[in-house]
Amino acid sequence: MPLPNPSRRTRIALVCGGYGLALVAAWVAGYLYDARLAGAPYDTSGGMYAGGQLITQLAAFLAVAMVPTLLALWFLRGHPGLWNSIALASVAFAAVGLVAVLMPLVTTDIRHVGLALLGLLGLAQLLGVPLWTAAFVLFALMAPTPTAKRLLVIAIGLELMIGACAAIHWFSPSPPF
């Protein structure tokens, strides 16, 4: 028995409701964080307390928001131009990330703001490689066109190269970068 195809309004309501639940989850996480630490002496470190609460709320929101985001992408499978754009942006993101990760092999002088931002992107790539790789694998599984699938496989390959760089960086006794 095939699943019913929801109307456009139903799809929008599902995605918006999912993001609403993500906001509620963030609020609950912040409330529980506040309740747990209400008795702690934080009079000299209020900024750290607030930062921890913000990170907790953000983590809860992002974890729950993955579901409506994937649902929205699933609903948009009928738009091959969008998926080709997503795939091309994924390859560009992974390629620039690989350049950013390899940048310390060329220069460590980051006095120029562009190089500083590239170094920051390199750090984000080193830390986020499991997330980006998983996202690109999910996108490749959902992509409706062969072109998008091929581009996403290229992005996955670039992220795996960044993962190898991350392994060398984090686990080598004297990493080259």
C-alpha atoms as a PDB file:
ATOM      1  CA  MET A   1       0.000   0.000   0.000  1.00  0.00           C
ATOM      2  CA  PRO A   2       1.678   3.264  -1.091  1.00  0.00           C
ATOM      3  CA  LEU A   3       2.041   6.130   1.334  1.00  0.00           C
ATOM      4  CA  PRO A   4      -0.265   9.082   0.734  1.00  0.00           C
ATOM      5  CA  ASN A   5       1.320  12.131  -0.873  1.00  0.00           C
ATOM      6  CA  PRO A   6       0.737  15.089   1.470  1.00  0.00           C
ATOM      7  CA  SER A   7      -0.422  18.396   0.036  1.00  0.00           C
ATOM      8  CA  ARG A   8       1.855  21.422  -0.185  1.00  0.00           C
ATOM      9  CA  ARG A   9       0.232  23.003   2.887  1.00  0.00           C
ATOM     10  CA  THR A  10       0.660  19.801   4.876  1.00  0.00           C
ATOM     11  CA  ARG A  11       4.329  19.608   3.911  1.00  0.00           C
ATOM     12  CA  ILE A  12       4.942  23.200   4.963  1.00  0.00           C
ATOM     13  CA  ALA A  13       3.070  22.614   8.219  1.00  0.00           C
ATOM     14  CA  LEU A  14       5.132  19.489   8.972  1.00  0.00           C
ATOM     15  CA  VAL A  15       8.436  21.270   8.374  1.00  0.00           C
ATOM     16  CA  CYS A  16       7.417  24.409  10.310  1.00  0.00           C
ATOM     17  CA  GLY A  17       6.042  22.254  13.127  1.00  0.00           C
ATOM     18  CA  GLY A  18       9.362  20.394  13.273  1.00  0.00           C
ATOM     19  CA  TYR A  19      11.253  23.647  13.628  1.00  0.00           C
ATOM     20  CA  GLY A  20       8.756  24.740  16.277  1.00  0.00           C
ATOM     21  CA  LEU A  21       9.506  21.535  18.191  1.00  0.00           C
ATOM     22  CA  ALA A  22      13.222  22.280  17.830  1.00  0.00           C
ATOM     23  CA  LEU A  23      12.654  25.702  19.416  1.00  0.00           C
ATOM     24  CA  VAL A  24      10.697  24.069  22.251  1.00  0.00           C
ATOM     25  CA  ALA A  25      13.488  21.528  22.753  1.00  0.00           C
ATOM     26  CA  ALA A  26      16.027  24.363  22.951  1.00  0.00           C
ATOM     27  CA  TRP A  27      13.913  26.201  25.515  1.00  0.00           C
ATOM     28  CA  VAL A  28      13.486  23.021  27.608  1.00  0.00           C
ATOM     29  CA  ALA A  29      17.223  22.316  27.444  1.00  0.00           C
ATOM     30  CA  GLY A  30      17.975  25.856  28.589  1.00  0.00           C
ATOM     31  CA  TYR A  31      15.429  25.615  31.383  1.00  0.00           C
ATOM     32  CA  LEU A  32      16.862  22.297  32.594  1.00  0.00           C
ATOM     33  CA  TYR A  33      20.392  23.707  32.418  1.00  0.00           C
ATOM     34  CA  ASP A  34      19.282  26.696  34.479  1.00  0.00           C
ATOM     35  CA  ALA A  35      17.456  24.478  36.983  1.00  0.00           C
ATOM     36  CA  ARG A  36      20.473  22.201  37.362  1.00  0.00           C
ATOM     37  CA  LEU A  37      22.939  25.037  37.912  1.00  0.00           C
ATOM     38  CA  ALA A  38      20.681  27.448  39.849  1.00  0.00           C
ATOM     39  CA  GLY A  39      22.323  26.550  43.119  1.00  0.00           C
ATOM     40  CA  ALA A  40      25.877  26.769  41.831  1.00  0.00           C
ATOM     41  CA  PRO A  41      27.946  29.816  42.751  1.00  0.00           C
ATOM     42  CA  TYR A  42      28.331  31.601  39.436  1.00  0.00           C
ATOM     43  CA  ASP A  43      28.609  35.173  40.666  1.00  0.00           C
ATOM     44  CA  THR A  44      32.153  35.522  39.323  1.00  0.00           C
ATOM     45  CA  SER A  45      31.617  33.620  36.091  1.00  0.00           C
ATOM     46  CA  GLY A  46      28.193  34.658  34.819  1.00  0.00           C
ATOM     47  CA  GLY A  47      29.439  34.866  31.246  1.00  0.00           C
ATOM     48  CA  MET A  48      30.657  31.277  31.341  1.00  0.00           C
ATOM     49  CA  TYR A  49      27.337  30.194  32.813  1.00  0.00           C
ATOM     50  CA  ALA A  50      25.418  32.003  30.083  1.00  0.00           C
ATOM     51  CA  GLY A  51      27.751  30.603  27.416  1.00  0.00           C
ATOM     52  CA  GLY A  52      27.170  27.070  28.659  1.00  0.00           C
ATOM     53  CA  GLN A  53      23.420  27.609  28.610  1.00  0.00           C
ATOM     54  CA  LEU A  54      23.606  28.990  25.063  1.00  0.00           C
ATOM     55  CA  ILE A  55      25.639  26.027  23.842  1.00  0.00           C
ATOM     56  CA  THR A  56      23.196  23.612  25.483  1.00  0.00           C
ATOM     57  CA  GLN A  57      20.229  25.329  23.838  1.00  0.00           C
ATOM     58  CA  LEU A  58      21.966  25.458  20.468  1.00  0.00           C
ATOM     59  CA  ALA A  59      22.898  21.776  20.611  1.00  0.00           C
ATOM     60  CA  ALA A  60      19.323  20.780  21.444  1.00  0.00           C
ATOM     61  CA  PHE A  61      17.922  22.972  18.672  1.00  0.00           C
ATOM     62  CA  LEU A  62      20.338  21.667  16.032  1.00  0.00           C
ATOM     63  CA  ALA A  63      19.812  18.034  16.992  1.00  0.00           C
ATOM     64  CA  VAL A  64      16.025  18.281  16.736  1.00  0.00           C
ATOM     65  CA  ALA A  65      16.118  20.588  13.678  1.00  0.00           C
ATOM     66  CA  MET A  66      17.893  17.906  11.635  1.00  0.00           C
ATOM     67  CA  VAL A  67      14.631  16.013  11.241  1.00  0.00           C
ATOM     68  CA  PRO A  68      12.552  18.815   9.657  1.00  0.00           C
ATOM     69  CA  THR A  69      15.535  19.862   7.538  1.00  0.00           C
ATOM     70  CA  LEU A  70      15.865  16.362   6.080  1.00  0.00           C
ATOM     71  CA  LEU A  71      12.092  16.211   5.656  1.00  0.00           C
ATOM     72  CA  ALA A  72      12.130  19.519   3.746  1.00  0.00           C
ATOM     73  CA  LEU A  73      14.912  18.242   1.503  1.00  0.00           C
ATOM     74  CA  TRP A  74      12.942  15.055   0.908  1.00  0.00           C
ATOM     75  CA  PHE A  75       9.894  17.087  -0.078  1.00  0.00           C
ATOM     76  CA  LEU A  76      12.064  19.107  -2.485  1.00  0.00           C
ATOM     77  CA  ARG A  77      13.286  16.047  -4.379  1.00  0.00           C
ATOM     78  CA  GLY A  78      11.129  17.064  -7.336  1.00  0.00           C
ATOM     79  CA  HIS A  79      13.320  20.117  -7.980  1.00  0.00           C
ATOM     80  CA  PRO A  80      16.470  18.855  -9.749  1.00  0.00           C
ATOM     81  CA  GLY A  81      17.897  22.361 -10.182  1.00  0.00           C
ATOM     82  CA  LEU A  82      17.881  22.869  -6.419  1.00  0.00           C
ATOM     83  CA  TRP A  83      19.575  19.527  -5.848  1.00  0.00           C
ATOM     84  CA  ASN A  84      22.224  20.220  -8.485  1.00  0.00           C
ATOM     85  CA  SER A  85      22.891  23.559  -6.758  1.00  0.00           C
ATOM     86  CA  ILE A  86      23.122  21.856  -3.347  1.00  0.00           C
ATOM     87  CA  ALA A  87      25.542  19.298  -4.781  1.00  0.00           C
ATOM     88  CA  LEU A  88      27.696  21.955  -6.443  1.00  0.00           C
ATOM     89  CA  ALA A  89      27.765  24.007  -3.230  1.00  0.00           C
ATOM     90  CA  SER A  90      28.756  20.846  -1.312  1.00  0.00           C
ATOM     91  CA  VAL A  91      31.711  20.229  -3.632  1.00  0.00           C
ATOM     92  CA  ALA A  92      32.787  23.875  -3.366  1.00  0.00           C
ATOM     93  CA  PHE A  93      32.512  23.784   0.445  1.00  0.00           C
ATOM     94  CA  ALA A  94      34.532  20.567   0.689  1.00  0.00           C
ATOM     95  CA  ALA A  95      37.182  21.790  -1.791  1.00  0.00           C
ATOM     96  CA  VAL A  96      37.688  25.102   0.016  1.00  0.00           C
ATOM     97  CA  GLY A  97      37.754  23.147   3.286  1.00  0.00           C
ATOM     98  CA  LEU A  98      40.520  20.896   1.967  1.00  0.00           C
ATOM     99  CA  VAL A  99      42.520  23.947   0.897  1.00  0.00           C
ATOM    100  CA  ALA A 100      41.947  25.477   4.341  1.00  0.00           C
ATOM    101  CA  VAL A 101      43.084  22.302   6.110  1.00  0.00           C
ATOM    102  CA  LEU A 102      46.232  22.096   3.975  1.00  0.00           C
ATOM    103  CA  MET A 103      47.000  25.843   4.295  1.00  0.00           C
ATOM    104  CA  PRO A 104      49.372  25.430   7.297  1.00  0.00           C
ATOM    105  CA  LEU A 105      51.678  23.385   5.042  1.00  0.00           C
ATOM    106  CA  VAL A 106      52.166  26.510   2.900  1.00  0.00           C
ATOM    107  CA  THR A 107      52.020  29.374   5.382  1.00  0.00           C
ATOM    108  CA  THR A 108      51.405  30.041   9.037  1.00  0.00           C
ATOM    109  CA  ASP A 109      51.401  33.821   8.597  1.00  0.00           C
ATOM    110  CA  ILE A 110      47.742  34.765   9.077  1.00  0.00           C
ATOM    111  CA  ARG A 111      48.059  38.536   9.365  1.00  0.00           C
ATOM    112  CA  HIS A 112      45.692  38.967   6.419  1.00  0.00           C
ATOM    113  CA  VAL A 113      42.015  38.641   7.395  1.00  0.00           C
ATOM    114  CA  GLY A 114      41.325  36.298   4.458  1.00  0.00           C
ATOM    115  CA  LEU A 115      43.995  33.855   5.618  1.00  0.00           C
ATOM    116  CA  ALA A 116      42.702  34.074   9.178  1.00  0.00           C
ATOM    117  CA  LEU A 117      39.193  33.205   7.996  1.00  0.00           C
ATOM    118  CA  LEU A 118      40.580  30.370   5.873  1.00  0.00           C
ATOM    119  CA  GLY A 119      42.389  29.053   8.963  1.00  0.00           C
ATOM    120  CA  LEU A 120      39.152  29.222  10.938  1.00  0.00           C
ATOM    121  CA  LEU A 121      37.357  27.291   8.183  1.00  0.00           C
ATOM    122  CA  GLY A 122      40.159  24.718   8.297  1.00  0.00           C
ATOM    123  CA  LEU A 123      39.597  24.230  12.020  1.00  0.00           C
ATOM    124  CA  ALA A 124      35.834  23.915  11.454  1.00  0.00           C
ATOM    125  CA  GLN A 125      36.512  21.299   8.789  1.00  0.00           C
ATOM    126  CA  LEU A 126      38.902  19.343  11.010  1.00  0.00           C
ATOM    127  CA  LEU A 127      36.386  19.281  13.847  1.00  0.00           C
ATOM    128  CA  GLY A 128      33.257  18.854  11.719  1.00  0.00           C
ATOM    129  CA  VAL A 129      34.421  16.236   9.231  1.00  0.00           C
ATOM    130  CA  PRO A 130      32.129  13.490  10.629  1.00  0.00           C
ATOM    131  CA  LEU A 131      29.123  15.806  10.450  1.00  0.00           C
ATOM    132  CA  TRP A 132      29.867  17.057   6.927  1.00  0.00           C
ATOM    133  CA  THR A 133      30.598  13.547   5.652  1.00  0.00           C
ATOM    134  CA  ALA A 134      27.359  12.178   7.124  1.00  0.00           C
ATOM    135  CA  ALA A 135      25.392  15.093   5.678  1.00  0.00           C
ATOM    136  CA  PHE A 136      26.841  14.580   2.202  1.00  0.00           C
ATOM    137  CA  VAL A 137      26.140  10.827   2.374  1.00  0.00           C
ATOM    138  CA  LEU A 138      22.516  11.537   3.323  1.00  0.00           C
ATOM    139  CA  PHE A 139      22.253  14.107   0.544  1.00  0.00           C
ATOM    140  CA  ALA A 140      23.707  11.620  -1.964  1.00  0.00           C
ATOM    141  CA  LEU A 141      21.163   8.996  -0.919  1.00  0.00           C
ATOM    142  CA  MET A 142      18.322  11.502  -1.327  1.00  0.00           C
ATOM    143  CA  ALA A 143      19.520  13.241  -4.500  1.00  0.00           C
ATOM    144  CA  PRO A 144      17.104  12.714  -7.413  1.00  0.00           C
ATOM    145  CA  THR A 145      19.511  13.281 -10.334  1.00  0.00           C
ATOM    146  CA  PRO A 146      22.631  11.379 -11.403  1.00  0.00           C
ATOM    147  CA  THR A 147      24.554  14.664 -11.715  1.00  0.00           C
ATOM    148  CA  ALA A 148      23.763  15.605  -8.120  1.00  0.00           C
ATOM    149  CA  LYS A 149      24.681  12.112  -6.925  1.00  0.00           C
ATOM    150  CA  ARG A 150      28.054  12.260  -8.725  1.00  0.00           C
ATOM    151  CA  LEU A 151      28.863  15.701  -7.348  1.00  0.00           C
ATOM    152  CA  LEU A 152      27.932  14.604  -3.832  1.00  0.00           C
ATOM    153  CA  VAL A 153      30.167  11.536  -4.140  1.00  0.00           C
ATOM    154  CA  ILE A 154      33.009  13.921  -5.052  1.00  0.00           C
ATOM    155  CA  ALA A 155      32.173  16.008  -1.975  1.00  0.00           C
ATOM    156  CA  ILE A 156      32.217  12.850   0.153  1.00  0.00           C
ATOM    157  CA  GLY A 157      35.651  11.952  -1.249  1.00  0.00           C
ATOM    158  CA  LEU A 158      36.984  15.418  -0.427  1.00  0.00           C
ATOM    159  CA  GLU A 159      35.601  15.170   3.103  1.00  0.00           C
ATOM    160  CA  LEU A 160      37.243  11.758   3.534  1.00  0.00           C
ATOM    161  CA  MET A 161      40.545  13.347   2.485  1.00  0.00           C
ATOM    162  CA  ILE A 162      39.947  16.029   5.131  1.00  0.00           C
ATOM    163  CA  GLY A 163      39.217  13.201   7.584  1.00  0.00           C
ATOM    164  CA  ALA A 164      42.602  11.641   6.785  1.00  0.00           C
ATOM    165  CA  CYS A 165      44.228  15.042   7.383  1.00  0.00           C
ATOM    166  CA  ALA A 166      42.347  15.311  10.675  1.00  0.00           C
ATOM    167  CA  ALA A 167      43.560  11.865  11.754  1.00  0.00           C
ATOM    168  CA  ILE A 168      47.145  12.842  10.951  1.00  0.00           C
ATOM    169  CA  HIS A 169      46.731  16.169  12.731  1.00  0.00           C
ATOM    170  CA  TRP A 170      45.122  14.827  15.886  1.00  0.00           C
ATOM    171  CA  PHE A 171      46.888  11.461  16.277  1.00  0.00           C
ATOM    172  CA  SER A 172      50.391  12.036  14.901  1.00  0.00           C
ATOM    173  CA  PRO A 173      53.056  12.716  17.564  1.00  0.00           C
ATOM    174  CA  SER A 174      54.354  15.703  15.523  1.00  0.00           C
ATOM    175  CA  PRO A 175      51.751  16.610  12.931  1.00  0.00           C
ATOM    176  CA  PRO A 176      52.953  18.446   9.819  1.00  0.00           C
ATOM    177  CA  PHE A 177      49.993  20.847  10.055  1.00  0.00           C
END
